[in-house]
Protein backbone atom coordinates (compact mmCIF):
# COMPACT_ATOMS: atom_id res chain seq x y z
CA MET A 1 -2.60 -8.66 24.05
CA GLU A 2 -2.79 -8.93 20.15
CA LYS A 3 -3.71 -6.55 17.46
CA VAL A 4 -6.03 -7.36 14.87
CA ILE A 5 -6.41 -4.72 11.94
CA TYR A 6 -9.77 -4.81 10.04
CA THR A 7 -10.43 -3.11 6.60
CA LEU A 8 -13.83 -2.04 5.56
CA VAL A 9 -15.59 -0.94 2.47
CA THR A 10 -18.66 1.73 2.34
CA PRO A 11 -22.00 -0.42 1.87
CA THR A 12 -23.51 0.13 -1.09
CA GLY A 13 -26.21 2.87 -0.48
CA SER A 14 -24.20 4.18 2.39
CA ASP A 15 -21.63 7.05 2.37
CA ILE A 16 -18.17 7.69 4.47
CA ALA A 17 -19.65 10.23 6.59
CA SER A 18 -22.25 7.28 7.85
CA LEU A 19 -19.52 4.92 7.90
CA ARG A 20 -17.17 7.13 9.89
CA ASP A 21 -20.07 8.24 12.38
CA ARG A 22 -21.07 4.59 13.09
CA LEU A 23 -17.88 3.21 13.51
CA CYS A 24 -16.80 5.81 15.86
CA GLY A 25 -20.10 5.66 17.75
CA ASP A 26 -22.15 2.67 18.32
CA THR A 27 -19.23 0.25 16.89
CA THR A 28 -16.55 1.48 19.16
CA GLU A 29 -18.85 0.99 22.23
CA GLN A 30 -19.80 -2.32 21.12
CA LEU A 31 -16.27 -3.42 20.40
CA LEU A 32 -15.19 -2.14 23.97
CA ALA A 33 -18.24 -4.26 25.46
CA LEU A 34 -16.82 -7.12 23.83
CA GLY A 35 -13.27 -6.69 25.40
CA ALA A 36 -11.27 -4.69 23.44
CA HIS A 37 -8.45 -3.15 25.27
CA GLY A 38 -7.97 -0.54 22.50
CA VAL A 39 -9.82 0.78 19.10
CA GLN A 40 -8.79 2.77 16.60
CA VAL A 41 -10.68 4.25 13.52
CA ASN A 42 -8.98 5.42 10.32
CA VAL A 43 -11.50 6.78 7.85
CA ALA A 44 -11.08 8.11 4.26
CA ASP A 45 -13.68 10.74 4.79
CA ASP A 46 -14.03 14.66 3.66
CA ASP A 47 -11.27 15.70 5.70
CA VAL A 48 -8.59 13.93 3.74
CA ALA A 49 -10.54 14.81 0.34
CA PRO A 50 -7.43 17.13 -0.44
CA ALA A 51 -5.26 14.37 -0.55
CA ALA A 52 -6.97 12.49 -2.99
CA ALA A 53 -3.99 12.36 -5.68
CA LEU A 54 -1.98 10.28 -2.89
CA ARG A 55 -4.33 7.66 -3.34
CA MET A 56 -3.12 4.47 -4.92
CA ASP A 57 -5.21 1.49 -6.04
CA GLY A 58 -3.17 -1.80 -6.56
CA SER A 59 -5.78 -4.12 -5.22
CA GLY A 60 -8.75 -2.63 -7.47
CA ARG A 61 -10.70 -1.85 -4.15
CA PRO A 62 -8.87 0.04 -1.36
CA ALA A 63 -10.25 0.05 2.08
CA ASP A 64 -12.41 3.09 3.17
CA ALA A 65 -11.86 2.78 6.87
CA ILE A 66 -9.20 0.77 8.93
CA VAL A 67 -9.77 -0.35 12.41
CA SER A 68 -7.42 -1.33 14.50
CA VAL A 69 -8.38 -3.69 17.48
CA TRP A 70 -6.47 -4.53 20.47
CA LEU A 71 -7.79 -7.89 21.78
CA ASP A 72 -6.65 -10.78 24.67
CA SER A 73 -6.45 -13.26 21.79
CA ALA A 74 -6.98 -13.39 18.01
CA VAL A 75 -8.13 -16.73 18.29
CA HIS A 76 -11.13 -17.28 15.68
CA ARG A 77 -13.43 -18.13 18.61
CA PHE A 78 -12.30 -15.16 20.74
CA ARG A 79 -12.48 -13.10 17.85
CA GLN A 80 -15.58 -13.91 16.35
CA PRO A 81 -18.13 -11.29 17.70
CA VAL A 82 -15.36 -8.45 17.10
CA ASP A 83 -15.41 -9.93 13.04
CA ASP A 84 -19.51 -10.14 13.15
CA ALA A 85 -19.87 -6.29 14.76
CA LEU A 86 -17.36 -4.90 11.96
CA SER A 87 -19.24 -7.11 9.16
CA GLU A 88 -22.28 -5.40 9.87
CA VAL A 89 -21.17 -2.00 9.50
CA GLY A 90 -19.09 -2.17 6.01
CA ASP A 91 -18.72 -4.52 3.30
CA SER A 92 -15.72 -6.51 2.15
CA MET A 93 -14.56 -7.11 5.86
CA ALA A 94 -10.93 -8.48 5.96
CA ALA A 95 -8.86 -9.11 8.92
CA TYR A 96 -4.97 -9.28 9.77
CA LEU A 97 -3.26 -10.26 12.85
CA VAL A 98 -0.18 -8.24 13.08
CA THR A 99 2.84 -7.56 15.06
CA GLU A 100 3.13 -3.30 15.72
CA SER A 101 6.44 -1.18 15.64
CA VAL A 102 6.22 2.59 16.52
CA PRO A 103 9.39 4.27 15.42
CA ILE A 104 7.66 7.81 16.15
CA PRO A 105 4.79 7.81 18.36
CA ASN A 106 2.30 11.09 17.92
CA THR A 107 3.56 13.68 20.42
CA ARG A 108 3.36 16.79 18.27
CA PHE A 109 -0.26 16.37 17.47
CA PRO A 110 -2.16 14.63 20.52
CA ALA A 111 -5.76 14.23 20.46
CA ALA A 112 -8.47 13.66 22.93
CA ALA A 113 -10.27 10.05 22.78
CA GLY A 114 -12.67 9.80 20.21
CA THR A 115 -11.65 13.34 18.59
CA ARG A 116 -10.00 13.58 15.06
CA THR A 117 -6.06 13.91 14.73
CA ASP A 118 -4.72 16.78 13.15
CA GLY A 119 -3.42 16.44 9.44
CA MET A 120 -3.57 13.37 7.52
CA ALA A 121 -3.01 9.71 8.40
CA GLN A 122 -1.49 7.90 5.08
CA VAL A 123 -2.57 4.16 5.46
CA ALA A 124 -0.04 2.05 2.79
CA PHE A 125 -0.99 -1.56 2.28
CA LEU A 126 2.29 -3.48 1.05
CA HIS A 127 3.00 -6.92 -0.77
CA ARG A 128 6.22 -8.66 -0.50
CA PRO A 129 7.61 -9.18 -3.89
CA PRO A 130 7.55 -13.00 -4.64
CA ASP A 131 11.05 -13.01 -5.76
CA GLN A 132 12.28 -11.45 -2.16
CA ALA A 133 12.68 -13.86 0.51
CA VAL A 134 10.48 -12.92 3.91
CA ALA A 135 13.83 -12.13 6.08
CA ASP A 136 15.36 -10.25 3.14
CA TRP A 137 12.31 -8.01 2.50
CA LEU A 138 11.80 -7.56 6.68
CA ASP A 139 15.30 -6.52 6.57
CA VAL A 140 15.27 -4.03 4.07
CA TRP A 141 11.59 -2.46 5.30
CA LEU A 142 12.37 -2.43 9.13
CA ASN A 143 16.11 -1.99 9.51
CA SER A 144 16.99 0.32 6.64
CA HIS A 145 13.98 1.93 5.07
CA THR A 146 12.85 3.18 8.25
CA GLN A 147 15.52 5.80 8.90
CA VAL A 148 15.23 6.87 5.02
CA ALA A 149 11.51 7.49 5.75
CA ILE A 150 12.31 9.25 8.89
CA ASP A 151 15.03 11.47 7.47
CA THR A 152 13.18 12.21 4.28
CA GLN A 153 9.63 13.17 5.21
CA ASP A 154 7.88 15.48 7.78
CA THR A 155 6.02 12.57 9.68
CA PHE A 156 4.97 13.13 13.04
CA LEU A 157 3.77 9.43 13.57
CA TYR A 158 5.22 6.43 12.06
CA VAL A 159 3.57 3.03 12.82
CA GLN A 160 4.55 -0.18 11.12
CA ASN A 161 2.32 -3.30 11.25
CA VAL A 162 4.13 -6.64 9.98
CA VAL A 163 1.22 -8.94 8.96
CA ALA A 164 1.76 -12.43 11.16
CA ARG A 165 -1.45 -13.88 9.63
CA VAL A 166 -4.29 -13.09 7.27
CA LEU A 167 -7.59 -14.06 9.56
CA THR A 168 -10.33 -13.84 6.94
CA GLU A 169 -10.98 -15.95 3.78
CA GLY A 170 -10.50 -14.19 0.70
CA ALA A 171 -8.74 -11.10 2.14
CA PRO A 172 -5.97 -9.51 0.04
CA PRO A 173 -2.70 -11.07 1.38
CA TRP A 174 -0.97 -8.14 2.49
CA SER A 175 2.61 -8.51 4.11
CA GLY A 176 2.36 -5.44 6.18
CA ILE A 177 0.41 -1.98 6.88
CA VAL A 178 1.68 0.88 7.44
CA GLU A 179 0.44 4.36 9.02
CA GLU A 180 2.27 7.63 8.77
CA GLY A 181 0.92 10.99 9.95
CA PHE A 182 1.57 14.29 8.38
CA PRO A 183 0.81 17.73 8.76
CA ALA A 184 -2.29 18.82 7.07
CA GLY A 185 -0.47 20.96 4.45
CA ALA A 186 1.11 17.59 2.96
CA MET A 187 -2.33 16.59 1.69
CA THR A 188 -1.79 19.05 -1.12
CA GLU A 189 2.03 20.32 -0.90
CA PRO A 190 4.89 18.08 -1.77
CA HIS A 191 7.59 20.27 -0.01
CA VAL A 192 5.80 19.77 3.31
CA PHE A 193 5.00 15.92 2.31
CA PHE A 194 8.82 15.77 2.12
CA ASP A 195 10.03 17.93 4.91
CA ALA A 196 11.37 20.35 2.21
CA VAL A 197 9.70 23.88 2.88
CA ASP A 198 11.09 26.48 0.21
CA ASP A 199 13.76 24.36 -0.48
CA GLU A 200 13.84 22.88 -3.92
CA ASP A 201 17.23 21.01 -3.83
CA ARG A 202 15.91 19.38 -0.40
CA LEU A 203 12.56 18.12 -2.12
CA ALA A 204 14.36 16.74 -5.13
CA ALA A 205 16.90 15.10 -2.97
CA HIS A 206 14.31 13.87 -0.31
CA MET A 207 11.87 12.71 -3.06
CA GLN A 208 14.90 10.39 -4.99
CA GLN A 209 16.22 9.04 -1.71
CA MET A 210 12.57 7.73 -0.84
CA MET A 211 12.09 6.25 -4.45
CA VAL A 212 15.78 4.72 -4.10
CA SER A 213 14.56 3.03 -1.01
CA THR A 214 11.26 1.63 -1.91
CA GLN A 215 12.22 0.29 -4.64
CA ARG A 216 14.48 -2.16 -2.87
CA PHE A 217 11.21 -3.78 -1.60
CA LEU A 218 8.16 -2.81 -3.05
CA ASP A 219 6.50 -2.92 -6.30
CA TYR A 220 4.40 0.52 -6.79
CA ALA A 221 2.07 -1.26 -9.16
CA THR A 222 0.59 -3.58 -6.11
CA LEU A 223 0.28 -0.78 -3.14
CA ASP A 224 -2.70 0.49 -1.87
CA VAL A 225 -2.12 4.02 -0.30
CA VAL A 226 -5.09 5.56 1.52
CA PRO A 227 -5.05 8.89 2.96
CA THR A 228 -7.07 8.92 6.25
CA SER A 229 -8.36 10.85 8.77
CA ARG A 230 -7.50 9.14 12.43
CA TYR A 231 -9.46 8.71 15.55
CA VAL A 232 -7.97 6.85 18.75
CA MET A 233 -11.01 6.12 20.11
CA ARG A 234 -9.77 4.42 23.04
CA ALA A 235 -5.80 3.91 23.38
CA VAL A 236 -3.98 0.89 24.42
CA PRO A 237 -3.16 1.26 28.43
CA ALA A 238 0.71 1.45 28.71
CA ALA A 239 2.55 -1.63 29.74
CA SER A 240 3.55 -1.33 33.60
């Protein structure tokens, strides 16, 4: 089984609520009928509007929706019907084959299939600096920074996706895609985001630790960061 992440932009003349409703409705049904084993929809809808200040735009046009689809094969001829289905819903569709790691599964705020997960799911799109070797970049991100992020933020979900292949022509060449789940208060309150409620010293220390760590493998000017609502439409069956 392979995981493919699709990014979409709201079509001209439409709105984000319509895009969300279509993705979580007819489009999910279509993807499942095409053989998808799992479907997840992340949308920058009005429920995360309070987090607008957290949005970062390094690409010039961040995604409005991110759709994760688990397929038997991401080979083009098998994946094409899925590409077509999503191209009909949003503009600027791009697809990425990824390898997924879940350092923190969501056990704090489980949601029924097809319903919104509480809080905010922040999705970040990462570029590897051109002067950093792939192996070195992955080592810093996965084997070092991961623990820093866990220690300094109040995340109830942490999913890291290493981009194995960019699957669609003209897609931004992201190196990694990260999803982090935060309590709702983190949308507007840094003390919640950085797990430092009522503690100014802890807040300053956690912010400093995060900044020092991310500077080892990221250029902030190249990042896209999109606060989203998360809808697990069908979870991938657990391995037997």
